[in-house]
Amino acid sequence: MGLIRSTLDQLNDNDIALVGIPFDENSSFMQGPAKAPELIIDSIESDSANFFTENLTDLNEHVRVKWCGNAIPSDYQSIRKPIDQILAQRAIPFSLGGDHSMTYPIMQAMAEKHPDLHIVQFDAHGDLYDELDGNRHSHACPFARIMEYGLAKNLTQIGIRTMSQHQKEQADRFGVNVIEMKDWAADINMKFDGPVYITFDMDVLDPAFAPGVSHHEPGGLSTREAISMIQKLDANIVGCDVVEYNPDRDINGVTGMVAAKIVKELLSQLLSL
């Protein structure tokens, strides 16, 4: 029992290609997320749970869901290569990180396929810094790069609770729809027009629910609240990533199981399209 194994060159039209991006070289505080992808898969396949999503989609050997293993990048820009390959085969990329800097090269590939892309970002942090510690590709900067190069038509951020003056100015500059955690409500509109990319940073969750992240930021979403928002998504989802799970800070694999649950519910949404 488990997910179907595949190589990137064996994908079929409309397959969902799970691919690990074990990259954390742009982490600003501590490394560790590069170890996450295979552990998330292990959690999905753990005997402590089953393969059903909450709407009763059975992911066990599902014909459209393929685990393609880790695509180890030779450098930062090469992160986009497996995404290009997945898109060339008319499959849907679902990347497991890794730090959040990987979303920028992923978007370089996605934007060529979907020029009117809308990004929905679940995150404690805006990741809109122009640079951090002299690094314009820090995991604190990917959405500044994405927006300044026009790789997305719109960006909606959910769960932000680390706003700074600079990031507020950046959000205003790029026209970002920021739903800060202090303003969040359970009934927020989750309907989006056009193609949508979902990027889910594990630290959007309160550290009480997901301690295995590099940056503990109290006051976040519960696991149930995050799942409920995913289940309410009304969108044409064309790609996803789940990032910033740091196993080095996890407790008894709890965050790994939470990440697996988030992946399963996102897969459920993709399979319902």
C-alpha atoms as a PDB file:
ATOM      1  CA  MET A   1       0.000   0.000   0.000  1.00  0.00           C
ATOM      2  CA  GLY A   2       1.178   3.503  -0.748  1.00  0.00           C
ATOM      3  CA  LEU A   3       1.534   6.185  -3.367  1.00  0.00           C
ATOM      4  CA  ILE A   4       2.426   5.143  -6.901  1.00  0.00           C
ATOM      5  CA  ARG A   5       6.115   5.678  -7.688  1.00  0.00           C
ATOM      6  CA  SER A   6       6.999   7.293 -10.983  1.00  0.00           C
ATOM      7  CA  THR A   7       9.784   9.086 -12.759  1.00  0.00           C
ATOM      8  CA  LEU A   8       9.234  12.520 -14.229  1.00  0.00           C
ATOM      9  CA  ASP A   9       9.353  11.124 -17.770  1.00  0.00           C
ATOM     10  CA  GLN A  10       6.600   8.577 -17.060  1.00  0.00           C
ATOM     11  CA  LEU A  11       3.832  11.050 -16.240  1.00  0.00           C
ATOM     12  CA  ASN A  12       0.491  11.128 -18.043  1.00  0.00           C
ATOM     13  CA  ASP A  13      -1.829  14.025 -18.859  1.00  0.00           C
ATOM     14  CA  ASN A  14      -3.427  15.455 -15.719  1.00  0.00           C
ATOM     15  CA  ASP A  15      -1.333  13.397 -13.308  1.00  0.00           C
ATOM     16  CA  ILE A  16      -0.438  15.112 -10.045  1.00  0.00           C
ATOM     17  CA  ALA A  17       3.334  14.896  -9.720  1.00  0.00           C
ATOM     18  CA  LEU A  18       4.591  15.039  -6.152  1.00  0.00           C
ATOM     19  CA  VAL A  19       8.243  16.021  -6.283  1.00  0.00           C
ATOM     20  CA  GLY A  20      10.633  16.757  -3.443  1.00  0.00           C
ATOM     21  CA  ILE A  21      12.825  19.863  -3.584  1.00  0.00           C
ATOM     22  CA  PRO A  22      15.413  19.226  -0.836  1.00  0.00           C
ATOM     23  CA  PHE A  23      16.792  22.773  -0.772  1.00  0.00           C
ATOM     24  CA  ASP A  24      17.310  25.062   2.216  1.00  0.00           C
ATOM     25  CA  GLU A  25      20.392  27.081   1.302  1.00  0.00           C
ATOM     26  CA  ASN A  26      18.434  30.344   1.437  1.00  0.00           C
ATOM     27  CA  SER A  27      17.168  29.815   4.968  1.00  0.00           C
ATOM     28  CA  SER A  28      18.017  32.829   7.103  1.00  0.00           C
ATOM     29  CA  PHE A  29      17.830  31.396  10.638  1.00  0.00           C
ATOM     30  CA  MET A  30      18.498  27.662  10.514  1.00  0.00           C
ATOM     31  CA  GLN A  31      18.654  24.907   7.947  1.00  0.00           C
ATOM     32  CA  GLY A  32      16.739  21.639   8.087  1.00  0.00           C
ATOM     33  CA  PRO A  33      13.820  21.894   5.616  1.00  0.00           C
ATOM     34  CA  ALA A  34      15.884  20.078   2.965  1.00  0.00           C
ATOM     35  CA  LYS A  35      15.280  16.904   4.987  1.00  0.00           C
ATOM     36  CA  ALA A  36      11.503  17.254   4.819  1.00  0.00           C
ATOM     37  CA  PRO A  37      10.190  15.856   1.495  1.00  0.00           C
ATOM     38  CA  GLU A  38      10.747  12.152   2.077  1.00  0.00           C
ATOM     39  CA  LEU A  39       9.542  12.454   5.677  1.00  0.00           C
ATOM     40  CA  ILE A  40       6.273  13.971   4.478  1.00  0.00           C
ATOM     41  CA  ILE A  41       5.797  11.013   2.140  1.00  0.00           C
ATOM     42  CA  ASP A  42       6.666   8.626   4.992  1.00  0.00           C
ATOM     43  CA  SER A  43       3.971  10.319   7.087  1.00  0.00           C
ATOM     44  CA  ILE A  44       1.390   9.993   4.297  1.00  0.00           C
ATOM     45  CA  GLU A  45       2.196   6.284   4.087  1.00  0.00           C
ATOM     46  CA  SER A  46       2.447   5.740   7.841  1.00  0.00           C
ATOM     47  CA  ASP A  47       0.486   2.842   9.303  1.00  0.00           C
ATOM     48  CA  SER A  48      -0.772   5.259  11.967  1.00  0.00           C
ATOM     49  CA  ALA A  49      -3.231   6.747   9.458  1.00  0.00           C
ATOM     50  CA  ASN A  50      -5.062   5.730   6.309  1.00  0.00           C
ATOM     51  CA  PHE A  51      -4.997   7.030   2.747  1.00  0.00           C
ATOM     52  CA  PHE A  52      -8.432   8.631   2.714  1.00  0.00           C
ATOM     53  CA  THR A  53      -8.990  12.368   2.563  1.00  0.00           C
ATOM     54  CA  GLU A  54     -11.883  13.854   4.493  1.00  0.00           C
ATOM     55  CA  ASN A  55     -14.146  13.762   1.415  1.00  0.00           C
ATOM     56  CA  LEU A  56     -13.381  10.030   1.090  1.00  0.00           C
ATOM     57  CA  THR A  57     -10.932  10.238  -1.794  1.00  0.00           C
ATOM     58  CA  ASP A  58      -8.674   7.190  -1.512  1.00  0.00           C
ATOM     59  CA  LEU A  59      -5.065   8.159  -2.285  1.00  0.00           C
ATOM     60  CA  ASN A  60      -3.758   4.599  -1.987  1.00  0.00           C
ATOM     61  CA  GLU A  61      -2.317   3.752  -5.398  1.00  0.00           C
ATOM     62  CA  HIS A  62      -4.501   6.475  -6.924  1.00  0.00           C
ATOM     63  CA  VAL A  63      -3.868   6.424 -10.662  1.00  0.00           C
ATOM     64  CA  ARG A  64      -3.387  10.201 -10.904  1.00  0.00           C
ATOM     65  CA  VAL A  65      -1.137  10.775  -7.869  1.00  0.00           C
ATOM     66  CA  LYS A  66       2.551   9.973  -8.453  1.00  0.00           C
ATOM     67  CA  TRP A  67       5.469  10.320  -6.044  1.00  0.00           C
ATOM     68  CA  CYS A  68       8.405  11.195  -8.272  1.00  0.00           C
ATOM     69  CA  GLY A  69      11.063  11.320  -5.558  1.00  0.00           C
ATOM     70  CA  ASN A  70      13.472  14.133  -4.875  1.00  0.00           C
ATOM     71  CA  ALA A  71      14.743  16.379  -7.662  1.00  0.00           C
ATOM     72  CA  ILE A  72      18.053  17.517  -6.201  1.00  0.00           C
ATOM     73  CA  PRO A  73      18.936  20.926  -7.666  1.00  0.00           C
ATOM     74  CA  SER A  74      22.494  21.626  -8.765  1.00  0.00           C
ATOM     75  CA  ASP A  75      21.954  25.291  -7.901  1.00  0.00           C
ATOM     76  CA  TYR A  76      19.123  27.671  -7.049  1.00  0.00           C
ATOM     77  CA  GLN A  77      17.959  28.360 -10.606  1.00  0.00           C
ATOM     78  CA  SER A  78      17.836  24.654 -11.463  1.00  0.00           C
ATOM     79  CA  ILE A  79      14.920  24.214  -9.033  1.00  0.00           C
ATOM     80  CA  ARG A  80      12.590  25.061 -11.926  1.00  0.00           C
ATOM     81  CA  LYS A  81      13.804  22.172 -14.137  1.00  0.00           C
ATOM     82  CA  PRO A  82      11.562  19.411 -12.744  1.00  0.00           C
ATOM     83  CA  ILE A  83       8.609  21.821 -12.850  1.00  0.00           C
ATOM     84  CA  ASP A  84       9.298  22.531 -16.523  1.00  0.00           C
ATOM     85  CA  GLN A  85       9.424  18.782 -17.145  1.00  0.00           C
ATOM     86  CA  ILE A  86       6.147  18.148 -15.317  1.00  0.00           C
ATOM     87  CA  LEU A  87       4.362  20.934 -17.173  1.00  0.00           C
ATOM     88  CA  ALA A  88       5.728  19.750 -20.519  1.00  0.00           C
ATOM     89  CA  GLN A  89       3.905  16.455 -19.921  1.00  0.00           C
ATOM     90  CA  ARG A  90       0.675  18.268 -19.087  1.00  0.00           C
ATOM     91  CA  ALA A  91       0.817  17.111 -15.485  1.00  0.00           C
ATOM     92  CA  ILE A  92       0.254  19.195 -12.336  1.00  0.00           C
ATOM     93  CA  PRO A  93       3.295  19.983 -10.158  1.00  0.00           C
ATOM     94  CA  PHE A  94       3.025  19.554  -6.394  1.00  0.00           C
ATOM     95  CA  SER A  95       6.375  20.370  -4.780  1.00  0.00           C
ATOM     96  CA  LEU A  96       7.465  19.417  -1.283  1.00  0.00           C
ATOM     97  CA  GLY A  97      10.153  21.667   0.205  1.00  0.00           C
ATOM     98  CA  GLY A  98      12.558  22.821   1.235  1.00  0.00           C
ATOM     99  CA  ASP A  99      12.608  26.475   2.203  1.00  0.00           C
ATOM    100  CA  HIS A 100      10.231  29.033   0.723  1.00  0.00           C
ATOM    101  CA  SER A 101      12.826  30.536  -1.615  1.00  0.00           C
ATOM    102  CA  MET A 102      12.097  27.646  -3.977  1.00  0.00           C
ATOM    103  CA  THR A 103       8.727  29.154  -4.914  1.00  0.00           C
ATOM    104  CA  TYR A 104      10.376  31.880  -7.013  1.00  0.00           C
ATOM    105  CA  PRO A 105      12.081  29.553  -9.546  1.00  0.00           C
ATOM    106  CA  ILE A 106       8.969  27.382  -9.515  1.00  0.00           C
ATOM    107  CA  MET A 107       6.933  30.450 -10.490  1.00  0.00           C
ATOM    108  CA  GLN A 108       9.339  31.175 -13.344  1.00  0.00           C
ATOM    109  CA  ALA A 109       8.213  27.870 -14.838  1.00  0.00           C
ATOM    110  CA  MET A 110       4.549  28.248 -13.882  1.00  0.00           C
ATOM    111  CA  ALA A 111       4.241  31.767 -15.342  1.00  0.00           C
ATOM    112  CA  GLU A 112       5.250  30.563 -18.801  1.00  0.00           C
ATOM    113  CA  LYS A 113       2.393  28.055 -18.721  1.00  0.00           C
ATOM    114  CA  HIS A 114      -0.115  30.274 -16.904  1.00  0.00           C
ATOM    115  CA  PRO A 115       0.483  33.991 -17.569  1.00  0.00           C
ATOM    116  CA  ASP A 116      -2.622  35.040 -15.579  1.00  0.00           C
ATOM    117  CA  LEU A 117      -1.669  33.153 -12.446  1.00  0.00           C
ATOM    118  CA  HIS A 118      -3.071  34.031  -9.033  1.00  0.00           C
ATOM    119  CA  ILE A 119      -1.038  32.905  -6.011  1.00  0.00           C
ATOM    120  CA  VAL A 120      -2.645  32.061  -2.674  1.00  0.00           C
ATOM    121  CA  GLN A 121       0.011  32.052   0.040  1.00  0.00           C
ATOM    122  CA  PHE A 122      -0.600  30.570   3.496  1.00  0.00           C
ATOM    123  CA  ASP A 123       2.174  31.969   5.690  1.00  0.00           C
ATOM    124  CA  ALA A 124       3.106  33.678   8.945  1.00  0.00           C
ATOM    125  CA  HIS A 125       5.507  35.866   6.957  1.00  0.00           C
ATOM    126  CA  GLY A 126       4.955  38.038   3.904  1.00  0.00           C
ATOM    127  CA  ASP A 127       8.303  37.035   2.353  1.00  0.00           C
ATOM    128  CA  LEU A 128       8.288  40.372   0.535  1.00  0.00           C
ATOM    129  CA  TYR A 129      11.648  41.748   1.667  1.00  0.00           C
ATOM    130  CA  ASP A 130      13.656  43.279  -1.138  1.00  0.00           C
ATOM    131  CA  GLU A 131      16.681  41.589   0.429  1.00  0.00           C
ATOM    132  CA  LEU A 132      17.612  40.042   3.764  1.00  0.00           C
ATOM    133  CA  ASP A 133      21.186  40.027   5.036  1.00  0.00           C
ATOM    134  CA  GLY A 134      22.320  40.950   1.537  1.00  0.00           C
ATOM    135  CA  ASN A 135      20.553  37.973  -0.082  1.00  0.00           C
ATOM    136  CA  ARG A 136      17.864  38.865  -2.637  1.00  0.00           C
ATOM    137  CA  HIS A 137      16.987  35.161  -2.918  1.00  0.00           C
ATOM    138  CA  SER A 138      16.499  34.600   0.813  1.00  0.00           C
ATOM    139  CA  HIS A 139      13.408  32.664   1.837  1.00  0.00           C
ATOM    140  CA  ALA A 140      12.238  36.048   3.119  1.00  0.00           C
ATOM    141  CA  CYS A 141      12.204  37.473  -0.429  1.00  0.00           C
ATOM    142  CA  PRO A 142      10.576  35.134  -2.996  1.00  0.00           C
ATOM    143  CA  PHE A 143       7.335  37.066  -3.401  1.00  0.00           C
ATOM    144  CA  ALA A 144       9.185  40.336  -3.941  1.00  0.00           C
ATOM    145  CA  ARG A 145      10.976  38.660  -6.857  1.00  0.00           C
ATOM    146  CA  ILE A 146       7.780  37.026  -8.142  1.00  0.00           C
ATOM    147  CA  MET A 147       5.817  40.260  -8.141  1.00  0.00           C
ATOM    148  CA  GLU A 148       8.527  42.583  -9.452  1.00  0.00           C
ATOM    149  CA  TYR A 149       9.090  40.281 -12.441  1.00  0.00           C
ATOM    150  CA  GLY A 150       5.364  39.958 -13.127  1.00  0.00           C
ATOM    151  CA  LEU A 151       5.203  36.201 -12.583  1.00  0.00           C
ATOM    152  CA  ALA A 152       1.757  36.431 -10.988  1.00  0.00           C
ATOM    153  CA  LYS A 153      -1.250  38.567 -11.775  1.00  0.00           C
ATOM    154  CA  ASN A 154      -2.346  38.663  -8.141  1.00  0.00           C
ATOM    155  CA  LEU A 155      -1.087  37.542  -4.735  1.00  0.00           C
ATOM    156  CA  THR A 156      -3.288  36.824  -1.728  1.00  0.00           C
ATOM    157  CA  GLN A 157      -1.562  36.193   1.593  1.00  0.00           C
ATOM    158  CA  ILE A 158      -3.389  34.493   4.474  1.00  0.00           C
ATOM    159  CA  GLY A 159      -2.213  34.263   8.082  1.00  0.00           C
ATOM    160  CA  ILE A 160       0.423  37.006   8.104  1.00  0.00           C
ATOM    161  CA  ARG A 161       1.440  38.074  11.603  1.00  0.00           C
ATOM    162  CA  THR A 162       4.968  39.466  11.168  1.00  0.00           C
ATOM    163  CA  MET A 163       4.237  42.631   9.210  1.00  0.00           C
ATOM    164  CA  SER A 164       6.994  45.248   9.170  1.00  0.00           C
ATOM    165  CA  GLN A 165       6.999  48.753   7.724  1.00  0.00           C
ATOM    166  CA  HIS A 166       9.149  47.677   4.772  1.00  0.00           C
ATOM    167  CA  GLN A 167       6.921  44.713   3.971  1.00  0.00           C
ATOM    168  CA  LYS A 168       3.818  46.900   4.258  1.00  0.00           C
ATOM    169  CA  GLU A 169       5.349  49.241   1.692  1.00  0.00           C
ATOM    170  CA  GLN A 170       6.200  46.284  -0.538  1.00  0.00           C
ATOM    171  CA  ALA A 171       2.681  44.885  -0.250  1.00  0.00           C
ATOM    172  CA  ASP A 172       1.251  48.276  -1.221  1.00  0.00           C
ATOM    173  CA  ARG A 173       3.735  48.584  -4.080  1.00  0.00           C
ATOM    174  CA  PHE A 174       2.738  45.230  -5.568  1.00  0.00           C
ATOM    175  CA  GLY A 175      -0.982  45.433  -4.769  1.00  0.00           C
ATOM    176  CA  VAL A 176      -0.890  42.358  -2.536  1.00  0.00           C
ATOM    177  CA  ASN A 177      -4.118  41.307  -0.822  1.00  0.00           C
ATOM    178  CA  VAL A 178      -2.849  40.715   2.716  1.00  0.00           C
ATOM    179  CA  ILE A 179      -5.152  39.004   5.216  1.00  0.00           C
ATOM    180  CA  GLU A 180      -3.262  39.441   8.450  1.00  0.00           C
ATOM    181  CA  MET A 181      -3.961  36.973  11.232  1.00  0.00           C
ATOM    182  CA  LYS A 182      -5.371  39.760  13.416  1.00  0.00           C
ATOM    183  CA  ASP A 183      -8.009  40.370  10.726  1.00  0.00           C
ATOM    184  CA  TRP A 184      -8.637  36.748   9.802  1.00  0.00           C
ATOM    185  CA  ALA A 185     -12.143  35.293  10.061  1.00  0.00           C
ATOM    186  CA  ALA A 186     -13.379  31.799   9.380  1.00  0.00           C
ATOM    187  CA  ASP A 187     -15.783  33.003   6.694  1.00  0.00           C
ATOM    188  CA  ILE A 188     -13.235  34.710   4.416  1.00  0.00           C
ATOM    189  CA  ASN A 189     -13.943  34.299   0.725  1.00  0.00           C
ATOM    190  CA  MET A 190     -11.931  31.450  -0.798  1.00  0.00           C
ATOM    191  CA  LYS A 191     -13.220  31.837  -4.363  1.00  0.00           C
ATOM    192  CA  PHE A 192     -10.639  32.802  -6.981  1.00  0.00           C
ATOM    193  CA  ASP A 193     -10.981  33.308 -10.721  1.00  0.00           C
ATOM    194  CA  GLY A 194      -8.461  31.998 -13.235  1.00  0.00           C
ATOM    195  CA  PRO A 195      -5.567  29.621 -12.620  1.00  0.00           C
ATOM    196  CA  VAL A 196      -4.434  29.480  -8.981  1.00  0.00           C
ATOM    197  CA  TYR A 197      -1.192  28.300  -7.400  1.00  0.00           C
ATOM    198  CA  ILE A 198      -1.303  27.367  -3.694  1.00  0.00           C
ATOM    199  CA  THR A 199       1.843  27.781  -1.614  1.00  0.00           C
ATOM    200  CA  PHE A 200       1.532  26.550   1.967  1.00  0.00           C
ATOM    201  CA  ASP A 201       4.227  27.495   4.457  1.00  0.00           C
ATOM    202  CA  MET A 202       3.927  25.279   7.533  1.00  0.00           C
ATOM    203  CA  ASP A 203       4.588  28.200   9.850  1.00  0.00           C
ATOM    204  CA  VAL A 204       1.178  29.667   8.988  1.00  0.00           C
ATOM    205  CA  LEU A 205       0.055  27.252  11.698  1.00  0.00           C
ATOM    206  CA  ASP A 206       0.455  28.174  15.330  1.00  0.00           C
ATOM    207  CA  PRO A 207       3.583  26.455  16.700  1.00  0.00           C
ATOM    208  CA  ALA A 208       1.345  24.623  19.165  1.00  0.00           C
ATOM    209  CA  PHE A 209       0.096  22.619  16.161  1.00  0.00           C
ATOM    210  CA  ALA A 210       3.299  22.596  14.058  1.00  0.00           C
ATOM    211  CA  PRO A 211       6.435  22.961  16.194  1.00  0.00           C
ATOM    212  CA  GLY A 212       8.656  21.568  13.440  1.00  0.00           C
ATOM    213  CA  VAL A 213       9.358  24.863  11.685  1.00  0.00           C
ATOM    214  CA  SER A 214      12.400  27.120  11.796  1.00  0.00           C
ATOM    215  CA  HIS A 215      10.515  30.263  12.833  1.00  0.00           C
ATOM    216  CA  HIS A 216       8.067  29.831  15.716  1.00  0.00           C
ATOM    217  CA  GLU A 217       5.508  32.615  15.407  1.00  0.00           C
ATOM    218  CA  PRO A 218       2.665  32.359  17.958  1.00  0.00           C
ATOM    219  CA  GLY A 219      -0.883  33.389  17.138  1.00  0.00           C
ATOM    220  CA  GLY A 220      -1.365  31.363  13.973  1.00  0.00           C
ATOM    221  CA  LEU A 221      -4.020  29.128  12.488  1.00  0.00           C
ATOM    222  CA  SER A 222      -5.021  25.832  14.028  1.00  0.00           C
ATOM    223  CA  THR A 223      -4.683  22.752  11.866  1.00  0.00           C
ATOM    224  CA  ARG A 224      -8.483  22.539  11.654  1.00  0.00           C
ATOM    225  CA  GLU A 225      -8.803  26.158  10.528  1.00  0.00           C
ATOM    226  CA  ALA A 226      -6.216  25.652   7.786  1.00  0.00           C
ATOM    227  CA  ILE A 227      -7.871  22.459   6.562  1.00  0.00           C
ATOM    228  CA  SER A 228     -11.266  24.161   6.523  1.00  0.00           C
ATOM    229  CA  MET A 229      -9.899  26.933   4.299  1.00  0.00           C
ATOM    230  CA  ILE A 230      -8.373  24.404   1.930  1.00  0.00           C
ATOM    231  CA  GLN A 231     -11.678  22.574   1.747  1.00  0.00           C
ATOM    232  CA  LYS A 232     -13.491  25.835   0.967  1.00  0.00           C
ATOM    233  CA  LEU A 233     -11.199  26.694  -1.937  1.00  0.00           C
ATOM    234  CA  ASP A 234     -13.213  27.429  -5.063  1.00  0.00           C
ATOM    235  CA  ALA A 235     -10.482  27.691  -7.654  1.00  0.00           C
ATOM    236  CA  ASN A 236      -8.831  26.167 -10.688  1.00  0.00           C
ATOM    237  CA  ILE A 237      -5.703  24.965  -8.902  1.00  0.00           C
ATOM    238  CA  VAL A 238      -2.808  24.394 -11.311  1.00  0.00           C
ATOM    239  CA  GLY A 239       0.008  23.706  -8.850  1.00  0.00           C
ATOM    240  CA  CYS A 240       0.937  23.567  -5.177  1.00  0.00           C
ATOM    241  CA  ASP A 241       3.848  23.526  -2.814  1.00  0.00           C
ATOM    242  CA  VAL A 242       4.204  22.790   0.903  1.00  0.00           C
ATOM    243  CA  VAL A 243       7.346  24.274   2.409  1.00  0.00           C
ATOM    244  CA  GLU A 244       9.318  25.086   5.564  1.00  0.00           C
ATOM    245  CA  TYR A 245       8.743  21.872   7.519  1.00  0.00           C
ATOM    246  CA  ASN A 246      11.945  21.534   9.551  1.00  0.00           C
ATOM    247  CA  PRO A 247      12.292  17.998  10.960  1.00  0.00           C
ATOM    248  CA  ASP A 248      15.178  19.107  13.183  1.00  0.00           C
ATOM    249  CA  ARG A 249      12.690  21.048  15.319  1.00  0.00           C
ATOM    250  CA  ASP A 250       9.849  18.549  15.232  1.00  0.00           C
ATOM    251  CA  ILE A 251       8.504  16.689  18.267  1.00  0.00           C
ATOM    252  CA  ASN A 252       7.737  12.995  17.766  1.00  0.00           C
ATOM    253  CA  GLY A 253       7.002  13.579  14.088  1.00  0.00           C
ATOM    254  CA  VAL A 254       3.888  15.639  14.888  1.00  0.00           C
ATOM    255  CA  THR A 255       4.574  18.317  12.266  1.00  0.00           C
ATOM    256  CA  GLY A 256       5.363  15.670   9.680  1.00  0.00           C
ATOM    257  CA  MET A 257       1.889  14.218  10.164  1.00  0.00           C
ATOM    258  CA  VAL A 258       0.351  17.689   9.984  1.00  0.00           C
ATOM    259  CA  ALA A 259       2.217  18.361   6.726  1.00  0.00           C
ATOM    260  CA  ALA A 260       0.981  15.029   5.389  1.00  0.00           C
ATOM    261  CA  LYS A 261      -2.604  15.984   6.290  1.00  0.00           C
ATOM    262  CA  ILE A 262      -2.266  19.325   4.495  1.00  0.00           C
ATOM    263  CA  VAL A 263      -0.844  17.570   1.414  1.00  0.00           C
ATOM    264  CA  LYS A 264      -3.683  15.043   1.427  1.00  0.00           C
ATOM    265  CA  GLU A 265      -6.370  17.719   1.610  1.00  0.00           C
ATOM    266  CA  LEU A 266      -4.726  19.746  -1.169  1.00  0.00           C
ATOM    267  CA  LEU A 267      -4.567  16.567  -3.268  1.00  0.00           C
ATOM    268  CA  SER A 268      -8.262  16.075  -2.591  1.00  0.00           C
ATOM    269  CA  GLN A 269      -8.956  19.519  -4.016  1.00  0.00           C
ATOM    270  CA  LEU A 270      -6.821  18.845  -7.094  1.00  0.00           C
ATOM    271  CA  LEU A 271      -8.510  15.519  -7.732  1.00  0.00           C
ATOM    272  CA  SER A 272     -11.948  17.113  -7.578  1.00  0.00           C
ATOM    273  CA  LEU A 273     -11.181  19.473 -10.485  1.00  0.00           C
END
